[in-house]
Amino acid sequence: MTRGFRVLGRSVAASLALLPAYAAFAYVVVPAAWSHHQKKALTADSPGLTYTAERLPADPLNVAFVGTREDLRDALRAAGWWEADPITFRSGLRDAASVLFARPYLSAPMSTHFLGDRPQDLAFEQIVGGSPRRRHHVRFWRVAAASGEPSLWIGAATYDRGIGFSRYTGEVMHHIAPKIDAEREKLFSDLARAQRLASVELLAGYRPRGSGVNGGGDVYETDGAMRIGRLKN
């Protein structure tokens, strides 16, 4: 029994010793190499696409709303969506515990994505199955408006189907479901049910129709349209 505990202890110690090397490789070396490889093919001018901090392709833009910041917050809350907490050491630990032990964390933090050089302004989610392992989620970026005019909020709505490793960098991350158009429609359906939409239109051909691959290696499919809603205030 004692020998077994010693072997287990050595295994745990070895695993812990390897963690810094894994972190450096997965979160620094490989993303930098991948970013350099993709620098010419993927730029901030790529149509309708967001990026990770390492300049890897992230989620396609597929929703937009017209209204103030509070209009957007109130509408999403009324529709049953929770605003994501900022990323901090404490929220990160709580998020990890909620995933590992299947504990609810309705406002779990979300990774930062960029539109051009700007991080998201707001992010919202609906967890599925009792923990943030699976969730509907959307990130928003505010587009500057004329003085006195409501803002345009452009966003990317996708569904996190589970947690795994990036196929390119080895990072621990969420993987999205391929049918991103279904998430676009789900978000608008929730807002319509909450009676928070003054009007809705579909902008066809906003981005190329077809399939793509994000920075985690997830294949997605889209009709290339963006649905736009004007929020009630």
Foldseek 3Di string as FASTA:
>chain_A
DVVVVVVVVVVVVVVVVCVVVLCCQQPPVQLLVVLVVCVVVQALPAFQWKAAPSRWTDFGWAEKEWAAPVLVVVLCVLLPKAWADADDPVLVVVQVCCVVVLAADRRRHDGWIGNRNHTFPTKIWGDPRRHNQKIWMKTWHWDDDPPPGTIMIIMGIWIFPGWDAQPRRRDIDTATDAERVVSQVVSVVSSVVSVFFPDKDKAFQSHDFAWDATRSRHIHGDRNIHMYTYTDD
